[in-house]
């Protein structure tokens, strides 16, 4: 059974990815700041192949030890989904420097370090999959999300070069770029703001977490072995 690490597994897209991977027969190793009721329910339903580790990725210094512990307890890692992120919004001119630093740590430094240490298993196996979860905001921009957009753009650039670095070892690296999705992060969108986003969609709705999760599962699969260094946008056609 192939081991897949999913960060930010407790809710939203990370939870949906974990559910689909568990159904597909992978060994899902979820990592998040806290254990949600939904992820605990998934563990209860799939006790043999759904695992949880509590970890806050703002603590970048402990990532090496975390990966070492996971590998020791479950064996080499086949796949990594760098999904954990924070999305503090605010105008750059008034954003506190500590907030900027935290966004960079969690959204950029943590995925890079995770990829660094997890890819060692993949190099030994001579195969592997890394999916970096970006955002359409990394290319389109959005008012009040300049730092968040910068972090997501950085991940896409990281994907391109790492794909070249690891490709000769049959390790693929791709970026998933979701648009606005029906999650707790968008529950506050109402009225004209929500209608405006829906109007930009080709199909008149927000993307669903299942849409983005299904693409992630595909990129982790054997049939996607020839796909690397690419960005896959799942946004209900809002950037078409």
Protein backbone atom coordinates (compact mmCIF):
# COMPACT_ATOMS: atom_id res chain seq x y z
CA UNK A 1 0.00 0.00 0.00
CA UNK A 2 1.52 3.32 -1.09
CA UNK A 3 2.04 6.02 1.55
CA UNK A 4 0.71 9.49 0.73
CA UNK A 5 1.25 12.47 3.06
CA UNK A 6 -1.57 15.04 2.89
CA UNK A 7 -0.96 18.28 4.78
CA UNK A 8 -3.87 20.39 5.96
CA UNK A 9 -5.97 17.21 6.00
CA UNK A 10 -8.50 18.20 8.65
CA UNK A 11 -10.97 20.15 6.51
CA UNK A 12 -11.81 21.51 3.09
CA UNK A 13 -9.75 20.32 0.14
CA UNK A 14 -7.28 18.37 2.27
CA UNK A 15 -10.10 16.38 3.85
CA UNK A 16 -11.68 15.61 0.46
CA UNK A 17 -8.31 14.50 -0.96
CA UNK A 18 -7.80 12.25 2.07
CA UNK A 19 -11.23 10.68 1.60
CA UNK A 20 -10.67 9.98 -2.11
CA UNK A 21 -7.19 8.57 -1.53
CA UNK A 22 -8.44 6.28 1.24
CA UNK A 23 -11.20 5.01 -1.06
CA UNK A 24 -8.60 4.42 -3.79
CA UNK A 25 -6.61 2.18 -1.45
CA UNK A 26 -3.70 4.43 -0.52
CA UNK A 27 -2.25 4.67 2.97
CA UNK A 28 -3.24 8.24 3.89
CA UNK A 29 -0.98 10.02 6.37
CA UNK A 30 -2.79 13.23 7.25
CA UNK A 31 -1.00 16.10 8.98
CA UNK A 32 -2.77 19.14 10.41
CA UNK A 33 -2.71 21.55 13.34
CA UNK A 34 -5.63 19.76 14.98
CA UNK A 35 -7.79 16.69 14.47
CA UNK A 36 -11.24 17.63 13.15
CA UNK A 37 -14.38 15.60 13.76
CA UNK A 38 -14.62 14.91 10.03
CA UNK A 39 -11.10 13.50 9.79
CA UNK A 40 -11.67 11.47 12.98
CA UNK A 41 -14.78 10.00 11.32
CA UNK A 42 -12.70 9.08 8.28
CA UNK A 43 -10.20 7.36 10.56
CA UNK A 44 -13.00 5.40 12.20
CA UNK A 45 -14.36 4.34 8.81
CA UNK A 46 -10.91 3.44 7.43
CA UNK A 47 -8.80 2.48 10.47
CA UNK A 48 -6.34 0.39 8.49
CA UNK A 49 -5.20 3.08 6.06
CA UNK A 50 -5.93 6.53 7.53
CA UNK A 51 -3.39 7.97 9.98
CA UNK A 52 -3.13 11.37 11.66
CA UNK A 53 -0.24 13.47 12.94
CA UNK A 54 -0.75 16.78 14.71
CA UNK A 55 1.69 19.42 13.53
CA UNK A 56 1.82 23.19 13.03
CA UNK A 57 3.80 24.04 9.91
CA UNK A 58 4.77 27.46 11.23
CA UNK A 59 7.36 25.39 13.13
CA UNK A 60 9.58 24.80 10.13
CA UNK A 61 12.53 23.63 12.25
CA UNK A 62 10.71 20.44 13.25
CA UNK A 63 9.78 19.28 9.72
CA UNK A 64 12.85 17.08 9.32
CA UNK A 65 12.05 15.23 12.56
CA UNK A 66 8.38 14.89 11.55
CA UNK A 67 9.26 13.24 8.22
CA UNK A 68 11.79 11.00 9.96
CA UNK A 69 9.12 9.88 12.46
CA UNK A 70 6.52 9.19 9.74
CA UNK A 71 9.03 7.21 7.66
CA UNK A 72 10.14 5.21 10.69
CA UNK A 73 6.57 4.31 11.63
CA UNK A 74 5.10 3.72 8.16
CA UNK A 75 7.95 3.18 5.72
CA UNK A 76 9.01 5.13 2.66
CA UNK A 77 6.74 7.79 1.21
CA UNK A 78 5.39 7.55 -2.35
CA UNK A 79 3.42 10.79 -2.55
CA UNK A 80 3.22 14.22 -0.96
CA UNK A 81 0.34 16.69 -1.23
CA UNK A 82 1.48 20.11 -0.01
CA UNK A 83 -1.98 21.46 0.77
CA UNK A 84 -1.61 23.16 4.18
CA UNK A 85 -1.72 26.94 3.89
CA UNK A 86 -2.96 30.05 5.61
CA UNK A 87 -4.78 32.83 3.77
CA UNK A 88 -4.59 35.95 5.91
CA UNK A 89 -6.03 38.77 3.86
CA UNK A 90 -5.26 42.43 4.31
CA UNK A 91 -3.82 45.44 2.56
CA UNK A 92 -0.03 45.11 2.41
CA UNK A 93 0.59 48.63 3.74
CA UNK A 94 -1.15 47.80 7.03
CA UNK A 95 -0.29 44.10 7.34
CA UNK A 96 1.95 43.33 10.32
CA UNK A 97 5.40 41.99 9.51
CA UNK A 98 4.76 38.95 11.71
CA UNK A 99 1.76 38.03 9.54
CA UNK A 100 3.86 38.32 6.39
CA UNK A 101 6.55 36.13 7.94
CA UNK A 102 4.01 33.49 9.01
CA UNK A 103 2.46 33.35 5.52
CA UNK A 104 5.88 32.82 3.96
CA UNK A 105 6.79 30.14 6.49
CA UNK A 106 3.61 28.08 6.22
CA UNK A 107 2.86 28.56 2.52
CA UNK A 108 6.36 28.47 1.02
CA UNK A 109 9.13 27.38 3.38
CA UNK A 110 7.20 24.45 4.87
CA UNK A 111 6.27 22.86 1.50
CA UNK A 112 9.85 23.27 0.28
CA UNK A 113 11.27 21.59 3.38
CA UNK A 114 8.67 18.83 3.27
CA UNK A 115 9.55 18.17 -0.36
CA UNK A 116 13.25 18.16 0.54
CA UNK A 117 12.92 15.47 3.20
CA UNK A 118 10.08 13.40 1.69
CA UNK A 119 11.80 13.25 -1.72
CA UNK A 120 14.60 11.23 -0.11
CA UNK A 121 12.19 8.29 0.16
CA UNK A 122 11.19 8.81 -3.46
CA UNK A 123 14.82 8.89 -4.61
CA UNK A 124 15.43 5.56 -2.89
CA UNK A 125 12.26 4.12 -4.45
CA UNK A 126 13.11 5.64 -7.87
CA UNK A 127 9.49 6.83 -8.13
CA UNK A 128 7.20 9.32 -6.47
CA UNK A 129 4.62 12.07 -6.77
CA UNK A 130 4.54 15.61 -5.38
CA UNK A 131 1.49 17.84 -5.78
CA UNK A 132 1.84 21.45 -4.65
CA UNK A 133 -1.51 23.11 -4.05
CA UNK A 134 -1.33 26.64 -5.42
CA UNK A 135 -4.17 28.96 -6.38
CA UNK A 136 -5.42 30.90 -9.37
CA UNK A 137 -4.66 33.99 -7.28
CA UNK A 138 -0.98 33.25 -7.88
CA UNK A 139 -1.51 34.35 -11.49
CA UNK A 140 -4.68 36.47 -11.51
CA UNK A 141 -4.17 38.46 -8.33
CA UNK A 142 -6.85 39.59 -5.89
CA UNK A 143 -7.31 42.74 -3.83
CA UNK A 144 -6.10 42.23 -0.26
CA UNK A 145 -4.28 38.97 -1.02
CA UNK A 146 -0.94 40.23 -2.31
CA UNK A 147 1.23 38.22 0.10
CA UNK A 148 -0.94 35.10 -0.24
CA UNK A 149 -0.75 35.46 -4.03
CA UNK A 150 3.02 35.80 -3.83
CA UNK A 151 3.29 32.55 -1.86
CA UNK A 152 1.14 30.65 -4.35
CA UNK A 153 3.09 32.03 -7.30
CA UNK A 154 6.30 30.94 -5.56
CA UNK A 155 4.98 27.37 -5.26
CA UNK A 156 4.28 27.21 -8.99
CA UNK A 157 7.85 28.32 -9.72
CA UNK A 158 9.17 25.78 -7.23
CA UNK A 159 7.24 23.05 -9.04
CA UNK A 160 8.83 23.83 -12.40
CA UNK A 161 12.44 23.57 -11.26
CA UNK A 162 11.91 20.66 -8.86
CA UNK A 163 10.23 18.69 -11.66
CA UNK A 164 13.43 19.03 -13.70
CA UNK A 165 15.57 18.13 -10.69
CA UNK A 166 13.67 14.94 -9.84
CA UNK A 167 12.37 13.84 -13.24
CA UNK A 168 15.29 11.57 -14.09
CA UNK A 169 14.40 9.57 -10.98
CA UNK A 170 10.80 9.05 -12.18
CA UNK A 171 9.42 11.49 -9.62
CA UNK A 172 6.75 13.87 -10.88
CA UNK A 173 6.02 17.32 -9.48
CA UNK A 174 2.90 19.27 -10.42
CA UNK A 175 0.87 22.24 -9.21
CA UNK A 176 -2.86 22.16 -8.58
CA UNK A 177 -4.34 25.67 -8.89
CA UNK A 178 -7.89 25.74 -7.51
CA UNK A 179 -10.19 28.71 -7.86
CA UNK A 180 -12.74 29.75 -5.25
CA UNK A 181 -14.28 26.58 -3.86
CA UNK A 182 -17.24 25.74 -1.67
CA UNK A 183 -15.35 25.48 1.63
CA UNK A 184 -15.38 27.10 5.07
CA UNK A 185 -12.95 29.71 3.69
CA UNK A 186 -15.63 31.00 1.30
CA UNK A 187 -18.62 30.73 3.64
CA UNK A 188 -18.28 34.46 4.30
CA UNK A 189 -18.78 35.31 0.63
CA UNK A 190 -22.34 36.50 0.17
CA UNK A 191 -24.34 38.85 -1.98
CA UNK A 192 -22.69 40.75 -4.82
CA UNK A 193 -19.16 39.46 -4.06
CA UNK A 194 -20.29 35.84 -4.38
CA UNK A 195 -22.44 36.59 -7.43
CA UNK A 196 -19.50 38.30 -9.13
CA UNK A 197 -17.29 35.22 -8.67
CA UNK A 198 -20.03 32.93 -9.96
CA UNK A 199 -20.58 35.13 -13.02
CA UNK A 200 -16.93 34.71 -13.99
CA UNK A 201 -17.38 30.93 -14.07
CA UNK A 202 -18.16 29.24 -17.38
CA UNK A 203 -20.64 26.97 -15.61
CA UNK A 204 -22.10 29.51 -13.21
CA UNK A 205 -20.87 28.13 -9.91
CA UNK A 206 -17.89 27.86 -7.61
CA UNK A 207 -15.57 24.91 -8.07
CA UNK A 208 -16.23 22.04 -5.67
CA UNK A 209 -13.61 20.45 -3.46
CA UNK A 210 -14.38 17.14 -5.18
CA UNK A 211 -13.35 18.68 -8.52
CA UNK A 212 -9.91 19.65 -7.21
CA UNK A 213 -9.49 16.49 -5.13
CA UNK A 214 -10.20 14.27 -8.14
CA UNK A 215 -7.45 16.03 -10.10
CA UNK A 216 -5.05 15.51 -7.20
CA UNK A 217 -5.81 11.78 -7.03
CA UNK A 218 -5.25 11.54 -10.80
CA UNK A 219 -1.85 13.26 -10.53
CA UNK A 220 -0.82 10.79 -7.81
CA UNK A 221 -1.86 7.78 -9.89
CA UNK A 222 0.22 5.47 -12.09
CA UNK A 223 -1.48 6.72 -15.26
CA UNK A 224 -0.13 10.23 -14.58
CA UNK A 225 3.52 9.08 -14.58
CA UNK A 226 4.28 11.10 -17.72
CA UNK A 227 2.85 14.38 -16.43
CA UNK A 228 5.24 16.69 -14.61
CA UNK A 229 6.20 20.34 -14.24
CA UNK A 230 2.67 21.44 -15.08
CA UNK A 231 -0.07 23.52 -13.46
CA UNK A 232 -3.64 22.25 -13.45
CA UNK A 233 -6.32 24.87 -12.93
CA UNK A 234 -9.60 23.73 -11.38
CA UNK A 235 -11.80 26.81 -11.07
CA UNK A 236 -15.14 26.05 -12.81
CA UNK A 237 -13.81 27.96 -15.80
CA UNK A 238 -13.53 31.36 -14.12
CA UNK A 239 -10.13 32.08 -15.75
CA UNK A 240 -11.10 30.73 -19.19
